[in-house]
Amino acid sequence: MGELALRVTAFYVQEVPATLDFYDRAFGMGMRYMHPSRGYAELETGDTLLSFVSEEFLTAADLLGGTPVVCARRGEPLIGAQIALVSQDLDGDWRRAVAAGATILKAPEPKPWGQTVGYLLDLNGVIVELCTPSSRD
């Protein structure tokens, strides 16, 4: 059997273009690709891509065979997943994200394992962890 590699992590959201605009303003992540339907897009995030799929695209392309999915939505219970972004300038990146409309869940604080970690919500209600580098890196 061949070696598997994680290539893409995707979140199902209401509107892909608005999500891309938010991630560009909040975290400086530019678009890598957008499907002509504007229902799927990838951000420039290194070896593992972060992508977003609209609820409409999910249904129209029959991606999951009609299986119901709980999509990330502001004001709804949070989905059990998060995006973790490592920052070299946590204070500056935190301020930029909040100025772009991110909601603070928990302000950054030092952790016993040596990182400083804080949690935000994006415009869809997806949890975004902003943290300093790990000593494991």
N, C-alpha and C. Protein backbone atom coordinates (compact mmCIF):
# COMPACT_ATOMS: atom_id res chain seq x y z
N MET A 1 0.85 -1.19 0.00
CA MET A 1 0.00 0.00 0.00
C MET A 1 0.88 1.24 0.00
N GLY A 2 0.43 2.27 -0.68
CA GLY A 2 1.17 3.52 -0.77
C GLY A 2 1.03 4.35 0.49
N GLU A 3 1.92 5.28 0.64
CA GLU A 3 1.90 6.18 1.79
C GLU A 3 0.86 7.27 1.54
N LEU A 4 0.01 7.51 2.52
CA LEU A 4 -1.00 8.56 2.42
C LEU A 4 -0.44 9.86 2.97
N ALA A 5 -0.93 10.97 2.43
CA ALA A 5 -0.51 12.29 2.90
C ALA A 5 -1.75 13.18 3.00
N LEU A 6 -1.84 13.94 4.06
CA LEU A 6 -2.94 14.89 4.20
C LEU A 6 -2.70 16.05 3.24
N ARG A 7 -3.65 16.28 2.34
CA ARG A 7 -3.48 17.32 1.32
C ARG A 7 -4.42 18.49 1.51
N VAL A 8 -5.69 18.20 1.90
CA VAL A 8 -6.68 19.26 2.00
C VAL A 8 -7.54 19.04 3.24
N THR A 9 -7.83 20.11 3.96
CA THR A 9 -8.84 20.11 5.00
C THR A 9 -9.91 21.08 4.54
N ALA A 10 -11.17 20.64 4.55
CA ALA A 10 -12.27 21.46 4.03
C ALA A 10 -13.32 21.69 5.11
N PHE A 11 -13.93 22.86 5.04
CA PHE A 11 -15.05 23.20 5.91
C PHE A 11 -16.23 23.57 5.03
N TYR A 12 -17.42 23.11 5.42
CA TYR A 12 -18.64 23.43 4.70
C TYR A 12 -19.23 24.70 5.31
N VAL A 13 -19.46 25.69 4.45
CA VAL A 13 -19.88 27.02 4.89
C VAL A 13 -21.02 27.51 3.99
N GLN A 14 -21.62 28.62 4.37
CA GLN A 14 -22.72 29.16 3.56
C GLN A 14 -22.22 29.80 2.27
N GLU A 15 -21.21 30.66 2.38
CA GLU A 15 -20.78 31.42 1.20
C GLU A 15 -19.26 31.44 1.10
N VAL A 16 -18.74 30.84 0.05
CA VAL A 16 -17.29 30.71 -0.14
C VAL A 16 -16.61 32.06 -0.41
N PRO A 17 -17.07 32.91 -1.35
CA PRO A 17 -16.36 34.16 -1.60
C PRO A 17 -16.22 35.05 -0.37
N ALA A 18 -17.26 35.16 0.45
CA ALA A 18 -17.18 35.96 1.67
C ALA A 18 -16.17 35.35 2.64
N THR A 19 -16.11 34.03 2.69
CA THR A 19 -15.16 33.35 3.56
C THR A 19 -13.73 33.64 3.12
N LEU A 20 -13.47 33.58 1.82
CA LEU A 20 -12.13 33.89 1.31
C LEU A 20 -11.74 35.32 1.61
N ASP A 21 -12.67 36.24 1.43
CA ASP A 21 -12.40 37.64 1.75
C ASP A 21 -12.02 37.80 3.22
N PHE A 22 -12.77 37.14 4.10
CA PHE A 22 -12.47 37.22 5.53
C PHE A 22 -11.07 36.67 5.83
N TYR A 23 -10.72 35.50 5.31
CA TYR A 23 -9.42 34.89 5.61
C TYR A 23 -8.27 35.71 5.04
N ASP A 24 -8.51 36.42 3.94
CA ASP A 24 -7.48 37.30 3.41
C ASP A 24 -7.28 38.50 4.35
N ARG A 25 -8.37 39.13 4.76
CA ARG A 25 -8.27 40.30 5.65
C ARG A 25 -7.79 39.92 7.04
N ALA A 26 -8.29 38.81 7.57
CA ALA A 26 -7.99 38.42 8.95
C ALA A 26 -6.61 37.79 9.11
N PHE A 27 -6.20 36.97 8.13
CA PHE A 27 -4.99 36.17 8.31
C PHE A 27 -4.00 36.29 7.15
N GLY A 28 -4.33 37.11 6.16
CA GLY A 28 -3.42 37.30 5.04
C GLY A 28 -3.28 36.08 4.15
N MET A 29 -4.29 35.23 4.11
CA MET A 29 -4.26 34.02 3.29
C MET A 29 -4.96 34.28 1.97
N GLY A 30 -4.19 34.29 0.88
CA GLY A 30 -4.76 34.53 -0.43
C GLY A 30 -5.35 33.28 -1.05
N MET A 31 -6.16 33.50 -2.06
CA MET A 31 -6.80 32.39 -2.76
C MET A 31 -5.80 31.67 -3.65
N ARG A 32 -5.83 30.37 -3.60
CA ARG A 32 -5.02 29.52 -4.49
C ARG A 32 -5.84 29.10 -5.71
N TYR A 33 -7.12 28.77 -5.47
CA TYR A 33 -8.00 28.29 -6.54
C TYR A 33 -9.44 28.52 -6.15
N MET A 34 -10.25 28.89 -7.14
CA MET A 34 -11.70 28.92 -6.93
C MET A 34 -12.37 28.23 -8.12
N HIS A 35 -13.26 27.29 -7.83
CA HIS A 35 -14.04 26.62 -8.86
C HIS A 35 -14.91 27.66 -9.57
N PRO A 36 -15.16 27.51 -10.87
CA PRO A 36 -15.98 28.49 -11.59
C PRO A 36 -17.36 28.74 -10.96
N SER A 37 -17.91 27.76 -10.25
CA SER A 37 -19.21 27.94 -9.60
C SER A 37 -19.12 28.85 -8.38
N ARG A 38 -17.91 29.11 -7.90
CA ARG A 38 -17.65 29.87 -6.68
C ARG A 38 -18.14 29.14 -5.43
N GLY A 39 -18.36 27.84 -5.57
CA GLY A 39 -18.81 27.02 -4.46
C GLY A 39 -17.71 26.22 -3.80
N TYR A 40 -16.50 26.29 -4.34
CA TYR A 40 -15.35 25.59 -3.75
C TYR A 40 -14.12 26.45 -3.98
N ALA A 41 -13.28 26.57 -2.96
CA ALA A 41 -12.04 27.33 -3.10
C ALA A 41 -11.00 26.83 -2.12
N GLU A 42 -9.75 27.08 -2.48
CA GLU A 42 -8.60 26.73 -1.65
C GLU A 42 -7.80 27.99 -1.36
N LEU A 43 -7.22 28.02 -0.17
CA LEU A 43 -6.36 29.13 0.23
C LEU A 43 -4.90 28.70 0.14
N GLU A 44 -4.02 29.68 -0.02
CA GLU A 44 -2.58 29.44 0.02
C GLU A 44 -2.19 29.21 1.48
N THR A 45 -1.96 27.95 1.85
CA THR A 45 -1.67 27.62 3.25
C THR A 45 -0.52 26.62 3.38
N GLY A 46 0.31 26.49 2.36
CA GLY A 46 1.42 25.57 2.47
C GLY A 46 1.08 24.20 1.92
N ASP A 47 1.74 23.18 2.45
CA ASP A 47 1.59 21.82 1.93
C ASP A 47 0.18 21.26 2.10
N THR A 48 -0.46 21.56 3.21
CA THR A 48 -1.84 21.12 3.43
C THR A 48 -2.75 22.31 3.17
N LEU A 49 -3.64 22.15 2.21
CA LEU A 49 -4.51 23.26 1.81
C LEU A 49 -5.73 23.36 2.72
N LEU A 50 -6.15 24.58 2.95
CA LEU A 50 -7.40 24.86 3.64
C LEU A 50 -8.40 25.23 2.56
N SER A 51 -9.52 24.52 2.54
CA SER A 51 -10.53 24.81 1.53
C SER A 51 -11.90 24.98 2.17
N PHE A 52 -12.77 25.59 1.38
CA PHE A 52 -14.14 25.83 1.82
C PHE A 52 -15.09 25.40 0.71
N VAL A 53 -16.18 24.75 1.10
CA VAL A 53 -17.19 24.24 0.18
C VAL A 53 -18.52 24.84 0.61
N SER A 54 -19.24 25.42 -0.34
CA SER A 54 -20.54 26.00 0.02
C SER A 54 -21.57 24.89 0.18
N GLU A 55 -22.56 25.18 1.00
CA GLU A 55 -23.66 24.23 1.18
C GLU A 55 -24.35 23.94 -0.15
N GLU A 56 -24.50 24.97 -0.99
CA GLU A 56 -25.13 24.81 -2.29
C GLU A 56 -24.32 23.87 -3.18
N PHE A 57 -22.99 24.04 -3.21
CA PHE A 57 -22.12 23.19 -4.02
C PHE A 57 -22.16 21.74 -3.51
N LEU A 58 -22.17 21.59 -2.21
CA LEU A 58 -22.24 20.27 -1.60
C LEU A 58 -23.46 19.51 -2.11
N THR A 59 -24.59 20.19 -2.17
CA THR A 59 -25.84 19.58 -2.63
C THR A 59 -25.84 19.41 -4.16
N ALA A 60 -25.49 20.47 -4.89
CA ALA A 60 -25.56 20.44 -6.36
C ALA A 60 -24.62 19.39 -6.95
N ALA A 61 -23.43 19.24 -6.37
CA ALA A 61 -22.46 18.26 -6.88
C ALA A 61 -22.68 16.88 -6.29
N ASP A 62 -23.65 16.76 -5.39
CA ASP A 62 -23.95 15.49 -4.73
C ASP A 62 -22.67 14.86 -4.16
N LEU A 63 -21.91 15.69 -3.46
CA LEU A 63 -20.60 15.25 -2.96
C LEU A 63 -20.69 14.08 -1.99
N LEU A 64 -21.69 14.09 -1.12
CA LEU A 64 -21.78 13.06 -0.09
C LEU A 64 -23.00 12.17 -0.26
N GLY A 65 -23.53 12.12 -1.46
CA GLY A 65 -24.66 11.23 -1.73
C GLY A 65 -25.92 11.59 -0.98
N GLY A 66 -26.10 12.87 -0.69
CA GLY A 66 -27.31 13.31 0.00
C GLY A 66 -27.26 13.17 1.52
N THR A 67 -26.13 12.74 2.04
CA THR A 67 -25.99 12.61 3.50
C THR A 67 -26.10 13.99 4.15
N PRO A 68 -26.95 14.14 5.16
CA PRO A 68 -27.07 15.43 5.83
C PRO A 68 -25.75 15.80 6.53
N VAL A 69 -25.43 17.08 6.48
CA VAL A 69 -24.19 17.58 7.08
C VAL A 69 -24.53 18.81 7.91
N VAL A 70 -23.92 18.93 9.08
CA VAL A 70 -24.04 20.14 9.88
C VAL A 70 -22.93 21.08 9.44
N CYS A 71 -23.32 22.17 8.80
CA CYS A 71 -22.35 23.14 8.32
C CYS A 71 -22.09 24.19 9.39
N ALA A 72 -20.92 24.79 9.31
CA ALA A 72 -20.57 25.85 10.25
C ALA A 72 -21.46 27.07 9.98
N ARG A 73 -22.09 27.58 11.04
CA ARG A 73 -22.95 28.76 10.94
C ARG A 73 -22.82 29.57 12.22
N ARG A 74 -22.64 30.86 12.07
CA ARG A 74 -22.61 31.74 13.23
C ARG A 74 -23.94 31.66 13.96
N GLY A 75 -23.89 31.66 15.27
CA GLY A 75 -25.09 31.62 16.07
C GLY A 75 -25.63 30.22 16.32
N GLU A 76 -25.03 29.22 15.70
CA GLU A 76 -25.43 27.82 15.89
C GLU A 76 -24.39 27.14 16.78
N PRO A 77 -24.69 25.96 17.32
CA PRO A 77 -23.65 25.24 18.08
C PRO A 77 -22.41 25.03 17.19
N LEU A 78 -21.26 25.13 17.81
CA LEU A 78 -20.01 25.01 17.05
C LEU A 78 -19.80 23.58 16.57
N ILE A 79 -19.23 23.45 15.36
CA ILE A 79 -18.90 22.13 14.86
C ILE A 79 -17.66 21.63 15.60
N GLY A 80 -17.50 20.34 15.70
CA GLY A 80 -16.39 19.75 16.46
C GLY A 80 -15.11 19.67 15.66
N ALA A 81 -14.61 20.81 15.21
CA ALA A 81 -13.37 20.88 14.45
C ALA A 81 -12.81 22.28 14.58
N GLN A 82 -11.53 22.44 14.28
CA GLN A 82 -10.93 23.76 14.33
C GLN A 82 -9.80 23.86 13.33
N ILE A 83 -9.43 25.10 13.05
CA ILE A 83 -8.26 25.42 12.25
C ILE A 83 -7.23 25.97 13.23
N ALA A 84 -6.00 25.49 13.18
CA ALA A 84 -4.93 26.01 14.05
C ALA A 84 -3.90 26.70 13.19
N LEU A 85 -3.64 27.96 13.48
CA LEU A 85 -2.66 28.76 12.74
C LEU A 85 -1.53 29.16 13.67
N VAL A 86 -0.31 28.83 13.27
CA VAL A 86 0.88 29.17 14.06
C VAL A 86 1.35 30.55 13.63
N SER A 87 1.59 31.40 14.61
CA SER A 87 1.94 32.79 14.36
C SER A 87 3.32 33.13 14.92
N GLN A 88 4.06 33.90 14.16
CA GLN A 88 5.33 34.45 14.64
C GLN A 88 5.11 35.79 15.33
N ASP A 89 3.91 36.38 15.17
CA ASP A 89 3.55 37.66 15.78
C ASP A 89 2.12 37.54 16.29
N LEU A 90 1.95 36.82 17.38
CA LEU A 90 0.61 36.51 17.88
C LEU A 90 -0.19 37.77 18.18
N ASP A 91 0.40 38.75 18.84
CA ASP A 91 -0.35 39.98 19.18
C ASP A 91 -0.84 40.69 17.92
N GLY A 92 0.04 40.86 16.95
CA GLY A 92 -0.33 41.54 15.72
C GLY A 92 -1.35 40.76 14.91
N ASP A 93 -1.15 39.45 14.80
CA ASP A 93 -2.09 38.63 14.04
C ASP A 93 -3.45 38.57 14.73
N TRP A 94 -3.44 38.55 16.05
CA TRP A 94 -4.70 38.54 16.81
C TRP A 94 -5.48 39.83 16.55
N ARG A 95 -4.79 40.97 16.65
CA ARG A 95 -5.45 42.27 16.43
C ARG A 95 -6.02 42.36 15.02
N ARG A 96 -5.25 41.91 14.02
CA ARG A 96 -5.72 41.97 12.63
C ARG A 96 -6.98 41.11 12.45
N ALA A 97 -7.00 39.91 13.03
CA ALA A 97 -8.15 39.02 12.90
C ALA A 97 -9.39 39.63 13.55
N VAL A 98 -9.23 40.19 14.73
CA VAL A 98 -10.37 40.81 15.42
C VAL A 98 -10.87 42.02 14.64
N ALA A 99 -9.94 42.83 14.10
CA ALA A 99 -10.34 43.99 13.30
C ALA A 99 -11.09 43.57 12.04
N ALA A 100 -10.79 42.38 11.51
CA ALA A 100 -11.46 41.87 10.31
C ALA A 100 -12.81 41.24 10.62
N GLY A 101 -13.17 41.13 11.90
CA GLY A 101 -14.49 40.61 12.26
C GLY A 101 -14.50 39.28 12.99
N ALA A 102 -13.32 38.74 13.32
CA ALA A 102 -13.30 37.51 14.11
C ALA A 102 -13.85 37.78 15.51
N THR A 103 -14.54 36.82 16.06
CA THR A 103 -15.09 36.92 17.41
C THR A 103 -14.17 36.20 18.38
N ILE A 104 -13.87 36.83 19.49
CA ILE A 104 -12.99 36.22 20.49
C ILE A 104 -13.77 35.19 21.30
N LEU A 105 -13.27 33.96 21.30
CA LEU A 105 -13.80 32.92 22.18
C LEU A 105 -13.02 32.90 23.48
N LYS A 106 -11.69 32.91 23.37
CA LYS A 106 -10.82 32.90 24.54
C LYS A 106 -9.52 33.60 24.16
N ALA A 107 -9.19 34.64 24.91
CA ALA A 107 -7.98 35.43 24.63
C ALA A 107 -6.73 34.58 24.78
N PRO A 108 -5.66 34.93 24.07
CA PRO A 108 -4.42 34.17 24.17
C PRO A 108 -3.90 34.12 25.60
N GLU A 109 -3.41 32.94 25.97
CA GLU A 109 -2.81 32.76 27.29
C GLU A 109 -1.70 31.72 27.20
N PRO A 110 -0.68 31.86 28.04
CA PRO A 110 0.41 30.87 28.06
C PRO A 110 -0.12 29.51 28.54
N LYS A 111 0.37 28.46 27.90
CA LYS A 111 -0.02 27.10 28.26
C LYS A 111 1.16 26.38 28.92
N PRO A 112 0.90 25.37 29.74
CA PRO A 112 1.97 24.66 30.44
C PRO A 112 2.98 24.01 29.49
N TRP A 113 2.58 23.74 28.25
CA TRP A 113 3.49 23.08 27.30
C TRP A 113 4.35 24.08 26.53
N GLY A 114 4.24 25.38 26.87
CA GLY A 114 5.15 26.37 26.31
C GLY A 114 4.60 27.26 25.22
N GLN A 115 3.44 26.97 24.69
CA GLN A 115 2.84 27.82 23.67
C GLN A 115 1.92 28.85 24.31
N THR A 116 1.66 29.93 23.59
CA THR A 116 0.58 30.85 23.92
C THR A 116 -0.52 30.59 22.90
N VAL A 117 -1.76 30.42 23.40
CA VAL A 117 -2.85 29.97 22.54
C VAL A 117 -4.11 30.79 22.83
N GLY A 118 -4.79 31.21 21.75
CA GLY A 118 -6.08 31.87 21.86
C GLY A 118 -7.03 31.32 20.81
N TYR A 119 -8.32 31.53 21.02
CA TYR A 119 -9.34 30.98 20.13
C TYR A 119 -10.30 32.06 19.65
N LEU A 120 -10.56 32.04 18.34
CA LEU A 120 -11.47 32.96 17.68
C LEU A 120 -12.54 32.18 16.92
N LEU A 121 -13.57 32.88 16.49
CA LEU A 121 -14.53 32.33 15.53
C LEU A 121 -14.43 33.13 14.25
N ASP A 122 -14.43 32.44 13.10
CA ASP A 122 -14.46 33.16 11.83
C ASP A 122 -15.88 33.61 11.54
N LEU A 123 -16.11 34.19 10.37
CA LEU A 123 -17.44 34.72 10.06
C LEU A 123 -18.49 33.63 9.93
N ASN A 124 -18.08 32.36 9.76
CA ASN A 124 -19.01 31.24 9.66
C ASN A 124 -19.26 30.55 10.99
N GLY A 125 -18.47 30.86 12.00
CA GLY A 125 -18.56 30.14 13.27
C GLY A 125 -17.58 28.99 13.36
N VAL A 126 -16.57 28.96 12.48
CA VAL A 126 -15.51 27.96 12.57
C VAL A 126 -14.49 28.43 13.62
N ILE A 127 -14.08 27.52 14.49
CA ILE A 127 -13.10 27.85 15.52
C ILE A 127 -11.72 27.96 14.86
N VAL A 128 -11.03 29.06 15.18
CA VAL A 128 -9.67 29.27 14.70
C VAL A 128 -8.77 29.45 15.91
N GLU A 129 -7.82 28.55 16.06
CA GLU A 129 -6.81 28.69 17.11
C GLU A 129 -5.65 29.47 16.54
N LEU A 130 -5.23 30.52 17.25
CA LEU A 130 -4.00 31.23 16.92
C LEU A 130 -3.01 30.92 18.03
N CYS A 131 -1.81 30.48 17.66
CA CYS A 131 -0.86 30.08 18.68
C CYS A 131 0.57 30.38 18.25
N THR A 132 1.43 30.43 19.23
CA THR A 132 2.86 30.55 18.97
C THR A 132 3.39 29.19 18.57
N PRO A 133 4.59 29.15 17.96
CA PRO A 133 5.15 27.86 17.56
C PRO A 133 5.32 26.92 18.76
N SER A 134 5.24 25.64 18.46
CA SER A 134 5.45 24.59 19.47
C SER A 134 6.93 24.24 19.53
N SER A 135 7.38 23.82 20.68
CA SER A 135 8.75 23.36 20.80
C SER A 135 8.98 22.07 20.01
N ARG A 136 7.88 21.40 19.62
CA ARG A 136 7.99 20.18 18.80
C ARG A 136 8.30 20.49 17.34
N ASP A 137 8.09 21.75 16.94
CA ASP A 137 8.32 22.13 15.53
C ASP A 137 9.80 22.29 15.23
